[in-house]
């Protein structure tokens, strides 16, 4: 299921505009914060899909009934670009456990392939799993990370959160993970010959944290 967060007019559209704009995106703090805000919106929307149970709450005046999550989620992120989006999700789902995946594009004469060097996760059995990565281009890094994550248990549901996705990437993930919910700030129509999203916004990791040396 696809949840397009900027399909209707909202503040998400404004934040996406600022993330794309070369005249604004050089302000790294503002760039990171806009990604974080989209993570917060996604966390709120995802929370509506969770299972809840009733609890008793004692106020200074009397006892009343409220609701709490049946299971706290696990929030995973693809390092390094996913950290601001991860933080936005954690700001609202503040009792969640965390998981981290180190994966990156390894460029060579044939183009690139996905290198994955590190995965850590708690027990996922019966818990909602949320995977955060700002750019869903080909979908390859998501699909490569899934088996490693699922070796830690079978989640009750899988949510993928990204700021911008290509239609091709969405189609690829839907085919590989038809049960997953995809929450996306904006859907872009195509990839270029280097598999970067167009119109996209550039390299999210570099814009968040500075340029890196290419391996």
N, C-alpha and C. Protein backbone atom coordinates (compact mmCIF):
# COMPACT_ATOMS: atom_id res chain seq x y z
N UNK A 1 0.85 -1.20 0.00
CA UNK A 1 0.00 0.00 0.00
C UNK A 1 0.88 1.25 0.00
N UNK A 2 0.56 2.20 -0.86
CA UNK A 2 1.34 3.43 -0.97
C UNK A 2 0.59 4.56 -0.26
N UNK A 3 1.30 5.27 0.62
CA UNK A 3 0.75 6.43 1.33
C UNK A 3 1.55 7.65 0.89
N UNK A 4 0.96 8.46 0.03
CA UNK A 4 1.64 9.61 -0.57
C UNK A 4 1.35 10.83 0.31
N UNK A 5 2.32 11.25 1.11
CA UNK A 5 2.08 12.24 2.16
C UNK A 5 1.85 13.64 1.62
N UNK A 6 2.29 13.93 0.38
CA UNK A 6 2.07 15.27 -0.18
C UNK A 6 1.06 15.25 -1.32
N UNK A 7 0.29 14.17 -1.41
CA UNK A 7 -0.71 14.10 -2.48
C UNK A 7 -1.77 15.18 -2.31
N UNK A 8 -2.17 15.43 -1.07
CA UNK A 8 -3.06 16.55 -0.76
C UNK A 8 -2.20 17.71 -0.27
N UNK A 9 -2.70 18.94 -0.43
CA UNK A 9 -1.94 20.11 0.00
C UNK A 9 -1.70 20.05 1.51
N UNK A 10 -0.44 20.22 1.89
CA UNK A 10 -0.09 20.22 3.31
C UNK A 10 1.30 20.83 3.44
N UNK A 11 1.77 20.97 4.69
CA UNK A 11 3.11 21.48 4.93
C UNK A 11 4.19 20.58 4.34
N UNK A 12 3.89 19.29 4.17
CA UNK A 12 4.89 18.39 3.58
C UNK A 12 5.33 18.89 2.21
N UNK A 13 4.40 19.42 1.42
CA UNK A 13 4.76 19.96 0.11
C UNK A 13 5.78 21.09 0.23
N UNK A 14 5.61 21.95 1.21
CA UNK A 14 6.53 23.08 1.40
C UNK A 14 7.91 22.57 1.79
N UNK A 15 7.97 21.59 2.68
CA UNK A 15 9.25 21.03 3.11
C UNK A 15 9.95 20.34 1.94
N UNK A 16 9.20 19.64 1.11
CA UNK A 16 9.77 19.00 -0.08
C UNK A 16 10.35 20.06 -1.03
N UNK A 17 9.60 21.15 -1.23
CA UNK A 17 10.09 22.25 -2.08
C UNK A 17 11.45 22.75 -1.59
N UNK A 18 11.56 22.96 -0.28
CA UNK A 18 12.80 23.48 0.28
C UNK A 18 13.93 22.47 0.16
N UNK A 19 13.63 21.19 0.32
CA UNK A 19 14.65 20.16 0.17
C UNK A 19 15.20 20.11 -1.26
N UNK A 20 14.35 20.37 -2.22
CA UNK A 20 14.78 20.32 -3.63
C UNK A 20 15.55 21.57 -4.05
N UNK A 21 15.27 22.70 -3.47
CA UNK A 21 15.74 24.00 -3.96
C UNK A 21 17.23 24.20 -3.68
N UNK A 22 18.01 24.43 -4.76
CA UNK A 22 19.44 24.66 -4.59
C UNK A 22 19.72 25.96 -3.84
N UNK A 23 18.76 26.86 -3.83
CA UNK A 23 18.95 28.13 -3.13
C UNK A 23 18.73 28.00 -1.63
N UNK A 24 18.14 26.90 -1.19
CA UNK A 24 17.84 26.70 0.22
C UNK A 24 18.60 25.52 0.80
N UNK A 25 18.82 24.46 0.01
CA UNK A 25 19.31 23.20 0.57
C UNK A 25 20.74 23.27 1.07
N UNK A 26 21.51 24.32 0.74
CA UNK A 26 22.87 24.42 1.26
C UNK A 26 22.91 24.75 2.75
N UNK A 27 21.78 25.14 3.31
CA UNK A 27 21.66 25.31 4.76
C UNK A 27 21.46 23.93 5.36
N UNK A 28 22.54 23.31 5.81
CA UNK A 28 22.47 21.90 6.23
C UNK A 28 21.50 21.67 7.39
N UNK A 29 21.49 22.58 8.34
CA UNK A 29 20.61 22.39 9.48
C UNK A 29 19.14 22.41 9.04
N UNK A 30 18.81 23.34 8.16
CA UNK A 30 17.44 23.42 7.65
C UNK A 30 17.11 22.19 6.81
N UNK A 31 18.08 21.71 6.01
CA UNK A 31 17.87 20.52 5.21
C UNK A 31 17.58 19.31 6.10
N UNK A 32 18.41 19.12 7.13
CA UNK A 32 18.19 17.98 8.04
C UNK A 32 16.85 18.10 8.77
N UNK A 33 16.54 19.32 9.19
CA UNK A 33 15.30 19.52 9.96
C UNK A 33 14.07 19.25 9.10
N UNK A 34 14.10 19.62 7.82
CA UNK A 34 12.95 19.34 6.95
C UNK A 34 12.75 17.84 6.76
N UNK A 35 13.86 17.09 6.64
CA UNK A 35 13.73 15.63 6.57
C UNK A 35 13.17 15.10 7.88
N UNK A 36 13.66 15.63 8.99
CA UNK A 36 13.18 15.21 10.31
C UNK A 36 11.68 15.47 10.45
N UNK A 37 11.22 16.61 9.98
CA UNK A 37 9.79 16.94 10.06
C UNK A 37 8.94 15.92 9.30
N UNK A 38 9.41 15.52 8.11
CA UNK A 38 8.67 14.53 7.33
C UNK A 38 8.62 13.20 8.08
N UNK A 39 9.72 12.86 8.77
CA UNK A 39 9.70 11.67 9.61
C UNK A 39 8.68 11.76 10.73
N UNK A 40 8.53 12.94 11.31
CA UNK A 40 7.54 13.13 12.38
C UNK A 40 6.12 12.95 11.85
N UNK A 41 5.84 13.53 10.68
CA UNK A 41 4.51 13.37 10.07
C UNK A 41 4.25 11.89 9.77
N UNK A 42 5.25 11.21 9.21
CA UNK A 42 5.10 9.79 8.89
C UNK A 42 4.84 8.98 10.15
N UNK A 43 5.56 9.28 11.24
CA UNK A 43 5.37 8.56 12.50
C UNK A 43 3.93 8.71 13.00
N UNK A 44 3.41 9.92 12.94
CA UNK A 44 2.03 10.15 13.38
C UNK A 44 1.04 9.36 12.53
N UNK A 45 1.24 9.39 11.21
CA UNK A 45 0.31 8.67 10.33
C UNK A 45 0.43 7.16 10.53
N UNK A 46 1.64 6.65 10.66
CA UNK A 46 1.83 5.22 10.88
C UNK A 46 1.20 4.79 12.19
N UNK A 47 1.26 5.64 13.21
CA UNK A 47 0.71 5.28 14.52
C UNK A 47 -0.78 4.97 14.46
N UNK A 48 -1.47 5.50 13.46
CA UNK A 48 -2.91 5.24 13.32
C UNK A 48 -3.18 3.79 12.90
N UNK A 49 -2.16 3.11 12.35
CA UNK A 49 -2.35 1.74 11.86
C UNK A 49 -2.02 0.70 12.92
N UNK A 50 -1.42 1.10 14.05
CA UNK A 50 -0.97 0.14 15.05
C UNK A 50 -2.14 -0.42 15.86
N UNK A 51 -1.87 -1.51 16.55
CA UNK A 51 -2.84 -2.11 17.47
C UNK A 51 -2.66 -1.50 18.86
N UNK A 52 -3.78 -1.25 19.52
CA UNK A 52 -3.77 -0.62 20.85
C UNK A 52 -4.52 -1.48 21.85
N UNK A 53 -4.22 -1.25 23.14
CA UNK A 53 -4.92 -1.93 24.22
C UNK A 53 -5.31 -0.90 25.27
N UNK A 54 -6.39 -1.17 25.98
CA UNK A 54 -6.86 -0.22 26.99
C UNK A 54 -6.03 -0.35 28.26
N UNK A 55 -5.84 0.79 28.93
CA UNK A 55 -5.10 0.82 30.20
C UNK A 55 -5.84 1.75 31.16
N UNK A 56 -5.61 1.56 32.44
CA UNK A 56 -6.17 2.45 33.46
C UNK A 56 -5.13 3.51 33.82
N UNK A 57 -5.59 4.76 33.93
CA UNK A 57 -4.72 5.88 34.26
C UNK A 57 -5.29 6.60 35.47
N UNK A 58 -4.43 6.84 36.46
CA UNK A 58 -4.86 7.55 37.66
C UNK A 58 -4.46 9.02 37.54
N UNK A 59 -5.45 9.89 37.49
CA UNK A 59 -5.20 11.33 37.47
C UNK A 59 -5.21 11.85 38.92
N UNK A 60 -4.90 13.13 39.16
CA UNK A 60 -4.99 13.66 40.52
C UNK A 60 -6.42 13.62 41.08
N UNK A 61 -7.44 13.42 40.21
CA UNK A 61 -8.82 13.48 40.65
C UNK A 61 -9.53 12.13 40.64
N UNK A 62 -9.23 11.27 39.67
CA UNK A 62 -9.90 9.97 39.61
C UNK A 62 -9.16 9.06 38.63
N UNK A 63 -9.70 7.87 38.47
CA UNK A 63 -9.13 6.92 37.51
C UNK A 63 -9.94 6.95 36.23
N UNK A 64 -9.23 6.93 35.11
CA UNK A 64 -9.89 6.94 33.81
C UNK A 64 -9.23 5.89 32.91
N UNK A 65 -9.80 5.70 31.73
CA UNK A 65 -9.27 4.71 30.81
C UNK A 65 -8.57 5.40 29.64
N UNK A 66 -7.46 4.83 29.23
CA UNK A 66 -6.75 5.32 28.05
C UNK A 66 -6.30 4.14 27.20
N UNK A 67 -5.45 4.42 26.24
CA UNK A 67 -4.97 3.37 25.33
C UNK A 67 -3.47 3.48 25.16
N UNK A 68 -2.86 2.33 24.95
CA UNK A 68 -1.42 2.29 24.73
C UNK A 68 -1.12 1.28 23.63
N UNK A 69 0.06 1.37 23.03
CA UNK A 69 0.45 0.43 21.99
C UNK A 69 0.58 -0.98 22.57
N UNK A 70 0.08 -1.97 21.83
CA UNK A 70 0.27 -3.35 22.24
C UNK A 70 1.73 -3.77 22.13
N UNK A 71 2.39 -3.32 21.06
CA UNK A 71 3.79 -3.63 20.85
C UNK A 71 4.52 -2.36 20.39
N UNK A 72 5.64 -2.08 21.01
CA UNK A 72 6.46 -0.96 20.54
C UNK A 72 7.14 -1.35 19.23
N UNK A 73 7.23 -0.43 18.28
CA UNK A 73 7.87 -0.75 17.00
C UNK A 73 9.38 -0.78 17.11
N UNK A 74 9.99 -1.29 16.05
CA UNK A 74 11.43 -1.19 15.86
C UNK A 74 11.66 -0.28 14.64
N UNK A 75 12.50 0.73 14.81
CA UNK A 75 12.79 1.66 13.71
C UNK A 75 14.20 1.40 13.21
N UNK A 76 14.31 1.03 11.94
CA UNK A 76 15.60 0.76 11.32
C UNK A 76 15.92 1.88 10.34
N UNK A 77 17.20 2.16 10.18
CA UNK A 77 17.59 3.15 9.19
C UNK A 77 18.82 2.69 8.43
N UNK A 78 18.92 3.17 7.18
CA UNK A 78 20.07 2.91 6.34
C UNK A 78 21.07 4.05 6.56
N UNK A 79 22.23 3.74 7.13
CA UNK A 79 23.24 4.77 7.38
C UNK A 79 23.87 5.22 6.06
N UNK A 80 24.22 6.52 5.90
CA UNK A 80 24.19 7.58 6.90
C UNK A 80 23.05 8.55 6.67
N UNK A 81 22.59 8.58 5.40
CA UNK A 81 21.60 9.59 4.99
C UNK A 81 20.29 9.46 5.74
N UNK A 82 20.00 8.26 6.27
CA UNK A 82 18.72 8.05 6.92
C UNK A 82 18.61 8.60 8.32
N UNK A 83 19.71 9.14 8.88
CA UNK A 83 19.69 9.53 10.28
C UNK A 83 18.68 10.63 10.62
N UNK A 84 18.55 11.73 9.84
CA UNK A 84 17.54 12.73 10.19
C UNK A 84 16.11 12.19 10.10
N UNK A 85 15.83 11.36 9.10
CA UNK A 85 14.50 10.76 8.98
C UNK A 85 14.24 9.83 10.15
N UNK A 86 15.24 9.05 10.52
CA UNK A 86 15.17 8.18 11.69
C UNK A 86 14.88 8.99 12.95
N UNK A 87 15.56 10.13 13.10
CA UNK A 87 15.35 10.97 14.28
C UNK A 87 13.93 11.50 14.34
N UNK A 88 13.38 11.90 13.18
CA UNK A 88 12.00 12.36 13.16
C UNK A 88 11.03 11.29 13.61
N UNK A 89 11.22 10.07 13.16
CA UNK A 89 10.38 8.96 13.60
C UNK A 89 10.53 8.71 15.10
N UNK A 90 11.77 8.77 15.59
CA UNK A 90 12.02 8.53 17.02
C UNK A 90 11.46 9.65 17.89
N UNK A 91 11.37 10.88 17.36
CA UNK A 91 10.82 11.98 18.14
C UNK A 91 9.40 11.67 18.59
N UNK A 92 8.63 10.98 17.76
CA UNK A 92 7.24 10.68 18.08
C UNK A 92 7.07 9.27 18.63
N UNK A 93 7.77 8.31 18.07
CA UNK A 93 7.71 6.92 18.57
C UNK A 93 8.89 6.72 19.51
N UNK A 94 8.86 7.46 20.62
CA UNK A 94 10.04 7.61 21.46
C UNK A 94 10.36 6.41 22.34
N UNK A 95 9.48 5.40 22.38
CA UNK A 95 9.76 4.18 23.14
C UNK A 95 10.18 3.04 22.22
N UNK A 96 10.34 3.33 20.94
CA UNK A 96 10.73 2.30 19.97
C UNK A 96 12.17 1.85 20.20
N UNK A 97 12.45 0.60 19.81
CA UNK A 97 13.83 0.13 19.72
C UNK A 97 14.39 0.51 18.35
N UNK A 98 15.71 0.37 18.22
CA UNK A 98 16.38 0.83 17.00
C UNK A 98 17.16 -0.29 16.33
N UNK A 99 17.30 -0.14 15.02
CA UNK A 99 18.11 -1.05 14.21
C UNK A 99 18.86 -0.21 13.19
N UNK A 100 20.08 -0.63 12.85
CA UNK A 100 20.91 0.13 11.92
C UNK A 100 21.50 -0.79 10.86
N UNK A 101 21.48 -0.29 9.62
CA UNK A 101 22.03 -1.02 8.49
C UNK A 101 23.04 -0.11 7.80
N UNK A 102 24.27 -0.59 7.63
CA UNK A 102 25.28 0.14 6.87
C UNK A 102 25.30 -0.40 5.45
N UNK A 103 24.81 0.39 4.51
CA UNK A 103 24.77 -0.03 3.11
C UNK A 103 25.05 1.19 2.24
N UNK A 104 25.71 0.97 1.12
CA UNK A 104 26.03 2.09 0.23
C UNK A 104 26.25 1.57 -1.18
N UNK A 105 26.21 2.51 -2.13
CA UNK A 105 26.50 2.18 -3.52
C UNK A 105 28.00 2.06 -3.73
N UNK A 106 28.43 0.93 -4.23
CA UNK A 106 29.83 0.72 -4.60
C UNK A 106 29.93 0.86 -6.11
N UNK A 107 30.57 1.94 -6.57
CA UNK A 107 30.64 2.22 -8.00
C UNK A 107 31.82 1.48 -8.63
N UNK A 108 31.58 0.96 -9.84
CA UNK A 108 32.63 0.29 -10.59
C UNK A 108 32.40 0.52 -12.08
N UNK A 109 33.16 -0.20 -12.92
CA UNK A 109 33.05 0.01 -14.37
C UNK A 109 31.68 -0.37 -14.92
N UNK A 110 30.98 -1.25 -14.23
CA UNK A 110 29.66 -1.69 -14.69
C UNK A 110 28.52 -0.83 -14.13
N UNK A 111 28.87 0.19 -13.35
CA UNK A 111 27.84 1.03 -12.73
C UNK A 111 28.00 1.02 -11.22
N UNK A 112 27.12 0.31 -10.52
CA UNK A 112 27.25 0.21 -9.08
C UNK A 112 26.52 -1.03 -8.59
N UNK A 113 26.92 -1.48 -7.40
CA UNK A 113 26.18 -2.50 -6.70
C UNK A 113 26.09 -2.08 -5.23
N UNK A 114 25.21 -2.74 -4.48
CA UNK A 114 25.00 -2.36 -3.09
C UNK A 114 25.91 -3.17 -2.18
N UNK A 115 26.75 -2.46 -1.41
CA UNK A 115 27.58 -3.08 -0.39
C UNK A 115 26.88 -2.93 0.96
N UNK A 116 26.79 -4.03 1.70
CA UNK A 116 26.20 -3.99 3.04
C UNK A 116 27.21 -4.58 4.01
N UNK A 117 27.63 -3.77 5.00
CA UNK A 117 28.72 -4.20 5.87
C UNK A 117 28.31 -4.41 7.32
N UNK A 118 27.11 -3.96 7.70
CA UNK A 118 26.78 -3.99 9.13
C UNK A 118 25.28 -3.95 9.30
N UNK A 119 24.74 -4.85 10.13
CA UNK A 119 23.32 -4.85 10.47
C UNK A 119 23.19 -5.18 11.95
N UNK A 120 22.43 -4.41 12.68
CA UNK A 120 22.14 -4.73 14.07
C UNK A 120 20.65 -4.49 14.31
N UNK A 121 20.02 -5.39 15.06
CA UNK A 121 18.58 -5.28 15.31
C UNK A 121 18.20 -6.06 16.55
N UNK A 122 17.15 -5.62 17.27
CA UNK A 122 16.62 -6.40 18.38
C UNK A 122 15.71 -7.51 17.85
N UNK A 123 15.08 -8.23 18.75
CA UNK A 123 14.09 -9.24 18.37
C UNK A 123 12.90 -8.55 17.69
N UNK A 124 12.57 -8.98 16.47
CA UNK A 124 11.49 -8.34 15.71
C UNK A 124 10.17 -9.11 15.79
N UNK A 125 10.17 -10.27 16.40
CA UNK A 125 8.97 -11.12 16.37
C UNK A 125 7.74 -10.39 16.87
N UNK A 126 6.71 -10.32 16.02
CA UNK A 126 5.43 -9.76 16.40
C UNK A 126 5.41 -8.26 16.58
N UNK A 127 6.46 -7.56 16.15
CA UNK A 127 6.55 -6.11 16.34
C UNK A 127 6.51 -5.40 15.00
N UNK A 128 5.92 -4.20 14.94
CA UNK A 128 5.99 -3.42 13.70
C UNK A 128 7.43 -3.01 13.40
N UNK A 129 7.83 -3.16 12.16
CA UNK A 129 9.16 -2.76 11.71
C UNK A 129 9.01 -1.58 10.76
N UNK A 130 9.72 -0.48 11.07
CA UNK A 130 9.72 0.71 10.22
C UNK A 130 11.14 0.90 9.71
N UNK A 131 11.30 0.98 8.38
CA UNK A 131 12.62 1.17 7.77
C UNK A 131 12.66 2.55 7.14
N UNK A 132 13.64 3.36 7.56
CA UNK A 132 13.73 4.75 7.11
C UNK A 132 14.94 4.96 6.22
N UNK A 133 14.72 5.51 5.03
CA UNK A 133 15.80 5.92 4.13
C UNK A 133 15.23 7.04 3.27
N UNK A 134 15.89 8.20 3.20
CA UNK A 134 15.24 9.34 2.55
C UNK A 134 14.96 9.17 1.06
N UNK A 135 15.82 8.43 0.34
CA UNK A 135 15.68 8.33 -1.11
C UNK A 135 15.48 6.87 -1.53
N UNK A 136 14.34 6.57 -2.11
CA UNK A 136 14.07 5.24 -2.65
C UNK A 136 14.23 5.34 -4.17
N UNK A 137 15.43 5.03 -4.65
CA UNK A 137 15.74 5.16 -6.08
C UNK A 137 15.41 3.86 -6.79
N UNK A 138 16.35 2.91 -6.77
CA UNK A 138 16.08 1.60 -7.39
C UNK A 138 15.38 0.66 -6.43
N UNK A 139 15.51 0.91 -5.13
CA UNK A 139 14.97 0.00 -4.12
C UNK A 139 15.93 -1.11 -3.74
N UNK A 140 17.12 -1.14 -4.34
CA UNK A 140 18.04 -2.24 -4.12
C UNK A 140 18.55 -2.30 -2.68
N UNK A 141 18.85 -1.14 -2.07
CA UNK A 141 19.37 -1.17 -0.71
C UNK A 141 18.33 -1.66 0.28
N UNK A 142 17.05 -1.29 0.06
CA UNK A 142 15.98 -1.81 0.91
C UNK A 142 15.89 -3.32 0.83
N UNK A 143 15.84 -3.83 -0.39
CA UNK A 143 15.63 -5.26 -0.57
C UNK A 143 16.83 -6.06 -0.08
N UNK A 144 18.04 -5.51 -0.21
CA UNK A 144 19.23 -6.19 0.31
C UNK A 144 19.22 -6.24 1.83
N UNK A 145 18.68 -5.20 2.46
CA UNK A 145 18.67 -5.13 3.93
C UNK A 145 17.62 -6.04 4.55
N UNK A 146 16.54 -6.32 3.85
CA UNK A 146 15.42 -7.04 4.45
C UNK A 146 15.80 -8.42 4.99
N UNK A 147 16.47 -9.30 4.20
CA UNK A 147 16.79 -10.62 4.75
C UNK A 147 17.62 -10.57 6.03
N UNK A 148 18.58 -9.64 6.10
CA UNK A 148 19.40 -9.51 7.31
C UNK A 148 18.56 -9.08 8.50
N UNK A 149 17.63 -8.15 8.26
CA UNK A 149 16.76 -7.71 9.35
C UNK A 149 15.84 -8.84 9.80
N UNK A 150 15.25 -9.55 8.84
CA UNK A 150 14.27 -10.60 9.18
C UNK A 150 14.92 -11.82 9.81
N UNK A 151 16.25 -11.92 9.76
CA UNK A 151 16.92 -13.00 10.48
C UNK A 151 16.79 -12.82 11.99
N UNK A 152 16.33 -11.64 12.41
CA UNK A 152 16.12 -11.34 13.83
C UNK A 152 14.66 -11.52 14.26
N UNK A 153 13.83 -12.11 13.40
CA UNK A 153 12.45 -12.38 13.75
C UNK A 153 11.48 -11.88 12.70
N UNK A 154 10.24 -12.32 12.81
CA UNK A 154 9.20 -11.97 11.85
C UNK A 154 8.35 -10.84 12.40
N UNK A 155 8.43 -9.64 11.81
CA UNK A 155 7.63 -8.52 12.31
C UNK A 155 6.15 -8.70 11.99
N UNK A 156 5.31 -8.03 12.76
CA UNK A 156 3.87 -8.08 12.52
C UNK A 156 3.49 -7.31 11.27
N UNK A 157 4.28 -6.30 10.91
CA UNK A 157 4.02 -5.48 9.73
C UNK A 157 5.31 -4.76 9.36
N UNK A 158 5.42 -4.35 8.11
CA UNK A 158 6.61 -3.64 7.64
C UNK A 158 6.18 -2.31 7.03
N UNK A 159 6.81 -1.24 7.48
CA UNK A 159 6.57 0.10 6.94
C UNK A 159 7.89 0.64 6.41
N UNK A 160 7.87 1.19 5.21
CA UNK A 160 9.04 1.82 4.60
C UNK A 160 8.74 3.32 4.49
N UNK A 161 9.63 4.13 5.03
CA UNK A 161 9.43 5.58 5.04
C UNK A 161 10.54 6.24 4.24
N UNK A 162 10.19 7.04 3.26
CA UNK A 162 11.18 7.78 2.48
C UNK A 162 10.65 9.17 2.16
N UNK A 163 11.57 10.07 1.90
CA UNK A 163 11.21 11.45 1.57
C UNK A 163 10.79 11.54 0.11
N UNK A 164 11.63 10.99 -0.78
CA UNK A 164 11.34 11.00 -2.21
C UNK A 164 11.59 9.59 -2.75
N UNK A 165 10.69 9.11 -3.59
CA UNK A 165 10.84 7.80 -4.23
C UNK A 165 10.62 7.93 -5.72
N UNK A 166 11.32 7.11 -6.48
CA UNK A 166 11.03 7.01 -7.90
C UNK A 166 9.89 6.00 -8.09
N UNK A 167 9.14 6.17 -9.16
CA UNK A 167 8.08 5.21 -9.44
C UNK A 167 8.67 3.82 -9.67
N UNK A 168 9.84 3.77 -10.29
CA UNK A 168 10.51 2.48 -10.54
C UNK A 168 10.87 1.79 -9.23
N UNK A 169 11.40 2.56 -8.29
CA UNK A 169 11.75 1.99 -6.99
C UNK A 169 10.54 1.48 -6.24
N UNK A 170 9.45 2.24 -6.28
CA UNK A 170 8.23 1.80 -5.62
C UNK A 170 7.74 0.50 -6.24
N UNK A 171 7.75 0.42 -7.56
CA UNK A 171 7.29 -0.80 -8.23
C UNK A 171 8.15 -2.00 -7.84
N UNK A 172 9.46 -1.78 -7.74
CA UNK A 172 10.37 -2.86 -7.38
C UNK A 172 10.12 -3.37 -5.97
N UNK A 173 9.94 -2.44 -5.02
CA UNK A 173 9.70 -2.83 -3.64
C UNK A 173 8.33 -3.49 -3.49
N UNK A 174 7.34 -2.97 -4.19
CA UNK A 174 6.01 -3.59 -4.13
C UNK A 174 6.04 -5.03 -4.62
N UNK A 175 6.83 -5.28 -5.66
CA UNK A 175 6.92 -6.64 -6.19
C UNK A 175 7.64 -7.57 -5.20
N UNK A 176 8.71 -7.06 -4.58
CA UNK A 176 9.49 -7.88 -3.67
C UNK A 176 8.83 -8.01 -2.29
N UNK A 177 8.14 -6.96 -1.85
CA UNK A 177 7.50 -6.94 -0.53
C UNK A 177 6.07 -6.45 -0.66
N UNK A 178 5.17 -7.26 -1.22
CA UNK A 178 3.81 -6.79 -1.44
C UNK A 178 3.06 -6.44 -0.17
N UNK A 179 3.50 -6.98 0.97
CA UNK A 179 2.81 -6.72 2.23
C UNK A 179 3.24 -5.42 2.88
N UNK A 180 4.29 -4.76 2.37
CA UNK A 180 4.84 -3.58 3.02
C UNK A 180 3.99 -2.34 2.73
N UNK A 181 3.93 -1.45 3.71
CA UNK A 181 3.35 -0.11 3.54
C UNK A 181 4.49 0.84 3.21
N UNK A 182 4.33 1.63 2.15
CA UNK A 182 5.34 2.60 1.75
C UNK A 182 4.78 4.00 2.01
N UNK A 183 5.47 4.76 2.86
CA UNK A 183 5.09 6.13 3.21
C UNK A 183 6.10 7.05 2.57
N UNK A 184 5.65 7.91 1.66
CA UNK A 184 6.58 8.69 0.86
C UNK A 184 6.13 10.15 0.78
N UNK A 185 7.12 11.05 0.90
CA UNK A 185 6.80 12.48 0.82
C UNK A 185 6.44 12.91 -0.59
N UNK A 186 7.18 12.40 -1.59
CA UNK A 186 6.91 12.75 -2.99
C UNK A 186 7.33 11.59 -3.87
N UNK A 187 6.61 11.39 -4.98
CA UNK A 187 6.92 10.35 -5.95
C UNK A 187 7.37 11.02 -7.24
N UNK A 188 8.62 10.73 -7.65
CA UNK A 188 9.18 11.30 -8.87
C UNK A 188 9.11 10.28 -10.01
N UNK A 189 9.03 10.76 -11.25
CA UNK A 189 8.68 9.86 -12.36
C UNK A 189 9.78 8.96 -12.87
N UNK A 190 11.07 9.32 -12.67
CA UNK A 190 12.09 8.56 -13.41
C UNK A 190 13.44 8.61 -12.70
N UNK A 191 14.37 7.76 -13.22
CA UNK A 191 15.76 7.74 -12.81
C UNK A 191 16.64 8.15 -14.00
N UNK A 192 17.81 8.73 -13.71
CA UNK A 192 18.73 9.00 -14.81
C UNK A 192 19.61 7.78 -15.07
N UNK A 193 20.60 7.91 -15.95
CA UNK A 193 21.41 6.75 -16.34
C UNK A 193 22.34 6.29 -15.23
N UNK A 194 22.46 7.07 -14.16
CA UNK A 194 23.23 6.65 -12.99
C UNK A 194 22.32 6.21 -11.84
N UNK A 195 21.03 6.06 -12.14
CA UNK A 195 20.02 5.61 -11.17
C UNK A 195 19.80 6.60 -10.04
N UNK A 196 19.96 7.90 -10.33
CA UNK A 196 19.57 8.94 -9.40
C UNK A 196 18.16 9.42 -9.77
N UNK A 197 17.39 9.77 -8.74
CA UNK A 197 16.00 10.16 -8.94
C UNK A 197 15.93 11.53 -9.61
N UNK A 198 15.04 11.66 -10.58
CA UNK A 198 14.77 12.92 -11.26
C UNK A 198 13.30 13.31 -11.08
N UNK A 199 13.00 14.56 -10.68
CA UNK A 199 13.95 15.64 -10.43
C UNK A 199 14.75 15.51 -9.14
N UNK A 200 14.25 14.74 -8.17
CA UNK A 200 15.01 14.45 -6.97
C UNK A 200 15.44 15.68 -6.19
N UNK A 201 16.60 15.54 -5.51
CA UNK A 201 17.14 16.68 -4.75
C UNK A 201 18.66 16.64 -4.65
N UNK A 202 19.30 15.67 -5.29
CA UNK A 202 20.74 15.51 -5.15
C UNK A 202 21.06 14.38 -4.20
N UNK A 203 22.26 14.39 -3.63
CA UNK A 203 22.71 13.36 -2.70
C UNK A 203 22.30 13.76 -1.28
N UNK A 204 21.32 13.08 -0.73
CA UNK A 204 20.79 13.46 0.59
C UNK A 204 21.84 13.35 1.67
N UNK A 205 22.67 12.32 1.62
CA UNK A 205 23.70 12.16 2.64
C UNK A 205 24.71 13.29 2.62
N UNK A 206 25.16 13.68 1.43
CA UNK A 206 26.11 14.78 1.32
C UNK A 206 25.49 16.10 1.76
N UNK A 207 24.24 16.32 1.42
CA UNK A 207 23.58 17.56 1.80
C UNK A 207 23.33 17.63 3.30
N UNK A 208 23.15 16.48 3.94
CA UNK A 208 22.97 16.44 5.39
C UNK A 208 24.29 16.62 6.13
N UNK A 209 25.36 15.95 5.63
CA UNK A 209 26.56 15.79 6.45
C UNK A 209 27.86 16.18 5.77
N UNK A 210 27.83 16.57 4.50
CA UNK A 210 29.04 16.93 3.79
C UNK A 210 29.46 15.86 2.79
N UNK A 211 30.23 16.27 1.81
CA UNK A 211 30.64 15.34 0.77
C UNK A 211 31.61 14.29 1.32
N UNK A 212 31.54 13.10 0.73
CA UNK A 212 32.40 11.99 1.13
C UNK A 212 33.30 11.60 -0.03
N UNK A 213 34.40 10.96 0.26
CA UNK A 213 35.25 10.41 -0.77
C UNK A 213 34.58 9.19 -1.38
N UNK A 214 34.64 9.04 -2.69
CA UNK A 214 34.04 7.88 -3.36
C UNK A 214 35.00 6.71 -3.29
N UNK A 215 34.42 5.51 -3.01
CA UNK A 215 35.23 4.29 -2.98
C UNK A 215 35.31 3.68 -4.37
